[in-house]
N, C-alpha and C. Protein backbone atom coordinates (compact mmCIF):
# COMPACT_ATOMS: atom_id res chain seq x y z
N MET A 1 15.44 -75.13 -46.12
CA MET A 1 14.96 -76.23 -45.49
C MET A 1 15.88 -77.50 -45.09
N LEU A 2 15.99 -77.11 -43.40
CA LEU A 2 16.46 -77.68 -41.67
C LEU A 2 17.80 -78.68 -42.22
N LEU A 3 17.09 -79.17 -43.35
CA LEU A 3 17.94 -80.66 -43.50
C LEU A 3 19.58 -79.94 -44.22
N ARG A 4 19.19 -79.60 -45.39
CA ARG A 4 20.18 -79.09 -46.13
C ARG A 4 21.19 -77.91 -45.03
N SER A 5 20.26 -77.36 -44.12
CA SER A 5 21.08 -76.26 -43.86
C SER A 5 22.30 -77.28 -42.81
N ILE A 6 21.64 -78.19 -42.08
CA ILE A 6 22.55 -79.05 -41.38
C ILE A 6 23.46 -79.84 -42.60
N GLU A 7 23.30 -80.32 -42.84
CA GLU A 7 24.37 -80.84 -43.51
C GLU A 7 25.79 -79.93 -44.60
N THR A 8 25.27 -79.14 -44.58
CA THR A 8 26.05 -77.48 -45.41
C THR A 8 26.75 -78.16 -43.50
N PHE A 9 26.43 -77.31 -42.62
CA PHE A 9 27.39 -77.22 -41.24
C PHE A 9 27.88 -78.70 -40.96
N LEU A 10 27.46 -79.91 -41.26
CA LEU A 10 28.23 -80.46 -40.60
C LEU A 10 29.72 -80.28 -41.34
N ARG A 11 29.98 -80.87 -43.15
CA ARG A 11 30.36 -80.55 -43.44
C ARG A 11 31.48 -79.37 -43.58
N GLU A 12 31.17 -78.03 -43.14
CA GLU A 12 31.59 -76.91 -42.56
C GLU A 12 32.46 -76.99 -41.75
N HIS A 13 31.78 -77.73 -40.40
CA HIS A 13 32.61 -77.84 -39.10
C HIS A 13 33.11 -79.01 -39.19
N LYS A 14 33.22 -79.81 -39.73
CA LYS A 14 33.80 -80.97 -39.85
C LYS A 14 33.04 -82.21 -38.58
N LEU A 15 31.89 -82.01 -38.42
CA LEU A 15 31.19 -82.43 -36.41
C LEU A 15 30.69 -83.67 -37.73
N PRO A 16 30.64 -85.11 -36.91
CA PRO A 16 29.77 -85.81 -36.80
C PRO A 16 28.09 -86.02 -36.32
N ALA A 17 27.58 -86.45 -37.12
CA ALA A 17 25.94 -86.07 -37.28
C ALA A 17 25.33 -86.22 -36.05
N THR A 18 25.85 -87.83 -35.21
CA THR A 18 25.29 -88.38 -33.45
C THR A 18 26.18 -86.62 -33.47
N LYS A 19 27.20 -85.75 -32.74
CA LYS A 19 27.33 -84.88 -31.71
C LYS A 19 27.21 -83.72 -32.80
N PHE A 20 26.42 -83.50 -33.38
CA PHE A 20 25.62 -82.78 -33.78
C PHE A 20 24.15 -82.71 -33.08
N GLY A 21 23.75 -83.72 -33.27
CA GLY A 21 22.53 -83.67 -32.77
C GLY A 21 22.60 -83.25 -31.47
N ARG A 22 23.61 -84.21 -30.28
CA ARG A 22 23.61 -83.97 -28.92
C ARG A 22 23.58 -82.56 -28.42
N LEU A 23 24.63 -82.21 -29.43
CA LEU A 23 25.31 -80.57 -29.11
C LEU A 23 22.89 -79.58 -29.45
N ALA A 24 22.85 -79.61 -30.43
CA ALA A 24 22.01 -78.92 -30.76
C ALA A 24 20.49 -78.90 -30.20
N ALA A 25 20.21 -80.56 -30.19
CA ALA A 25 19.43 -81.40 -30.01
C ALA A 25 18.60 -81.94 -28.86
N HIS A 26 20.11 -82.12 -28.82
CA HIS A 26 20.26 -82.96 -27.10
C HIS A 26 19.76 -84.69 -27.29
N ASP A 27 19.99 -85.11 -28.51
CA ASP A 27 19.10 -86.15 -29.17
C ASP A 27 20.23 -86.81 -30.30
N PRO A 28 20.91 -87.54 -29.95
CA PRO A 28 22.18 -88.13 -30.70
C PRO A 28 21.64 -88.81 -31.84
N ARG A 29 20.63 -88.72 -31.99
CA ARG A 29 19.45 -89.22 -33.67
C ARG A 29 18.96 -88.22 -34.17
N PHE A 30 18.46 -87.23 -34.17
CA PHE A 30 18.01 -85.81 -34.41
C PHE A 30 18.64 -86.14 -36.17
N VAL A 31 19.64 -86.06 -36.28
CA VAL A 31 20.01 -85.93 -38.07
C VAL A 31 19.38 -86.78 -38.81
N LEU A 32 20.23 -88.09 -37.81
CA LEU A 32 19.68 -89.35 -38.93
C LEU A 32 18.01 -89.78 -38.79
N ASP A 33 16.89 -89.16 -37.99
CA ASP A 33 16.19 -88.82 -38.29
C ASP A 33 15.22 -87.87 -38.96
N LEU A 34 15.57 -86.78 -39.20
CA LEU A 34 15.70 -86.18 -40.20
C LEU A 34 16.04 -86.19 -41.68
N ARG A 35 17.05 -87.55 -41.74
CA ARG A 35 17.55 -87.92 -42.79
C ARG A 35 16.21 -88.74 -44.07
N MET A 36 15.36 -89.22 -42.27
CA MET A 36 14.55 -90.30 -42.39
C MET A 36 13.41 -90.23 -43.14
N GLY A 37 13.10 -89.14 -42.88
CA GLY A 37 11.93 -87.74 -43.08
C GLY A 37 11.23 -87.23 -41.73
N ARG A 38 11.83 -86.77 -40.83
CA ARG A 38 11.00 -86.05 -39.70
C ARG A 38 10.95 -84.90 -39.88
N THR A 39 10.00 -84.17 -39.73
CA THR A 39 9.41 -82.88 -39.23
C THR A 39 9.55 -82.11 -38.47
N PRO A 40 10.70 -81.82 -38.58
CA PRO A 40 11.22 -81.00 -36.83
C PRO A 40 9.79 -79.84 -36.56
N ARG A 41 9.36 -79.92 -35.42
CA ARG A 41 8.47 -78.01 -35.04
C ARG A 41 9.21 -77.32 -35.57
N PRO A 42 8.52 -76.19 -35.60
CA PRO A 42 8.44 -74.19 -35.70
C PRO A 42 9.65 -74.05 -34.83
N GLU A 43 9.50 -74.73 -33.78
CA GLU A 43 10.81 -74.02 -32.49
C GLU A 43 11.59 -74.79 -32.70
N THR A 44 11.53 -76.04 -32.35
CA THR A 44 13.10 -77.24 -32.78
C THR A 44 14.32 -76.28 -33.67
N GLU A 45 12.85 -76.25 -35.23
CA GLU A 45 13.81 -75.76 -36.23
C GLU A 45 14.72 -74.51 -35.65
N LEU A 46 14.03 -73.03 -35.42
CA LEU A 46 14.14 -72.01 -34.53
C LEU A 46 15.60 -72.23 -34.11
N ARG A 47 15.66 -73.30 -33.17
CA ARG A 47 16.36 -73.39 -32.14
C ARG A 47 17.92 -74.04 -32.34
N THR A 48 17.31 -74.98 -33.12
CA THR A 48 18.87 -75.32 -34.28
C THR A 48 19.28 -74.94 -34.71
N ARG A 49 18.45 -74.27 -35.77
CA ARG A 49 19.55 -72.68 -36.20
C ARG A 49 20.19 -71.48 -35.77
N ALA A 50 19.42 -71.08 -34.26
CA ALA A 50 20.12 -70.53 -33.98
C ALA A 50 21.61 -70.87 -32.80
N TRP A 51 21.21 -72.23 -32.50
CA TRP A 51 22.43 -73.00 -32.15
C TRP A 51 23.86 -72.76 -32.88
N MET A 52 23.37 -73.32 -34.42
CA MET A 52 24.66 -73.61 -35.23
C MET A 52 25.19 -71.54 -35.91
N GLN A 53 24.65 -70.73 -36.13
CA GLN A 53 24.71 -69.39 -35.78
C GLN A 53 25.58 -69.01 -34.89
N GLY A 54 25.03 -69.66 -33.28
CA GLY A 54 26.33 -69.35 -32.31
C GLY A 54 27.52 -70.29 -32.47
N TYR A 55 27.46 -71.39 -32.85
CA TYR A 55 28.64 -72.11 -32.89
C TYR A 55 29.51 -71.77 -33.90
N ALA A 56 28.69 -71.36 -35.11
CA ALA A 56 29.89 -70.42 -36.15
C ALA A 56 29.96 -69.45 -35.61
N ASP A 57 29.87 -68.31 -34.68
CA ASP A 57 30.04 -67.64 -34.23
C ASP A 57 31.54 -67.35 -32.76
N ARG A 58 30.91 -68.19 -32.68
CA ARG A 58 31.92 -68.88 -31.43
C ARG A 58 33.44 -69.53 -31.98
N VAL A 59 32.95 -70.58 -32.83
CA VAL A 59 34.73 -70.97 -33.68
C VAL A 59 35.38 -69.60 -34.53
N ALA A 60 34.26 -68.31 -35.17
CA ALA A 60 34.90 -67.69 -36.19
C ALA A 60 36.05 -66.52 -34.76
N ALA A 61 35.24 -66.45 -33.51
CA ALA A 61 35.70 -65.27 -32.57
C ALA A 61 37.03 -66.18 -31.76
N GLU A 62 36.90 -67.65 -31.97
CA GLU A 62 38.08 -68.05 -31.33
C GLU A 62 39.91 -68.11 -32.80
N LYS A 63 39.27 -67.93 -33.47
CA LYS A 63 40.14 -68.42 -34.83
C LYS A 63 40.67 -66.98 -35.05
N LYS A 64 40.25 -65.87 -35.01
CA LYS A 64 40.06 -64.21 -34.59
C LYS A 64 41.41 -64.01 -33.52
N GLU A 65 40.90 -64.68 -32.61
CA GLU A 65 41.58 -64.40 -31.16
C GLU A 65 43.39 -65.06 -31.63
N ARG A 66 42.78 -66.36 -32.08
CA ARG A 66 44.41 -67.02 -31.94
C ARG A 66 45.50 -66.33 -33.62
N ALA A 67 45.03 -65.45 -34.16
CA ALA A 67 45.05 -64.68 -35.39
C ALA A 67 46.04 -63.62 -35.48
């Protein structure tokens, strides 16, 4: 389920829901709408999951560079 993945991502990366929405979906209400029952289109879900993976990869690469 996309919302569960997003909630986990938000906790792991300490991102506010509105910032995540702006960055991942260009919609600050994206997470709130999902919490209220919105069902994203399959393409939106794929883009969001890809964005989360890319963000996690960038964060990991930055941590690696600092070490």
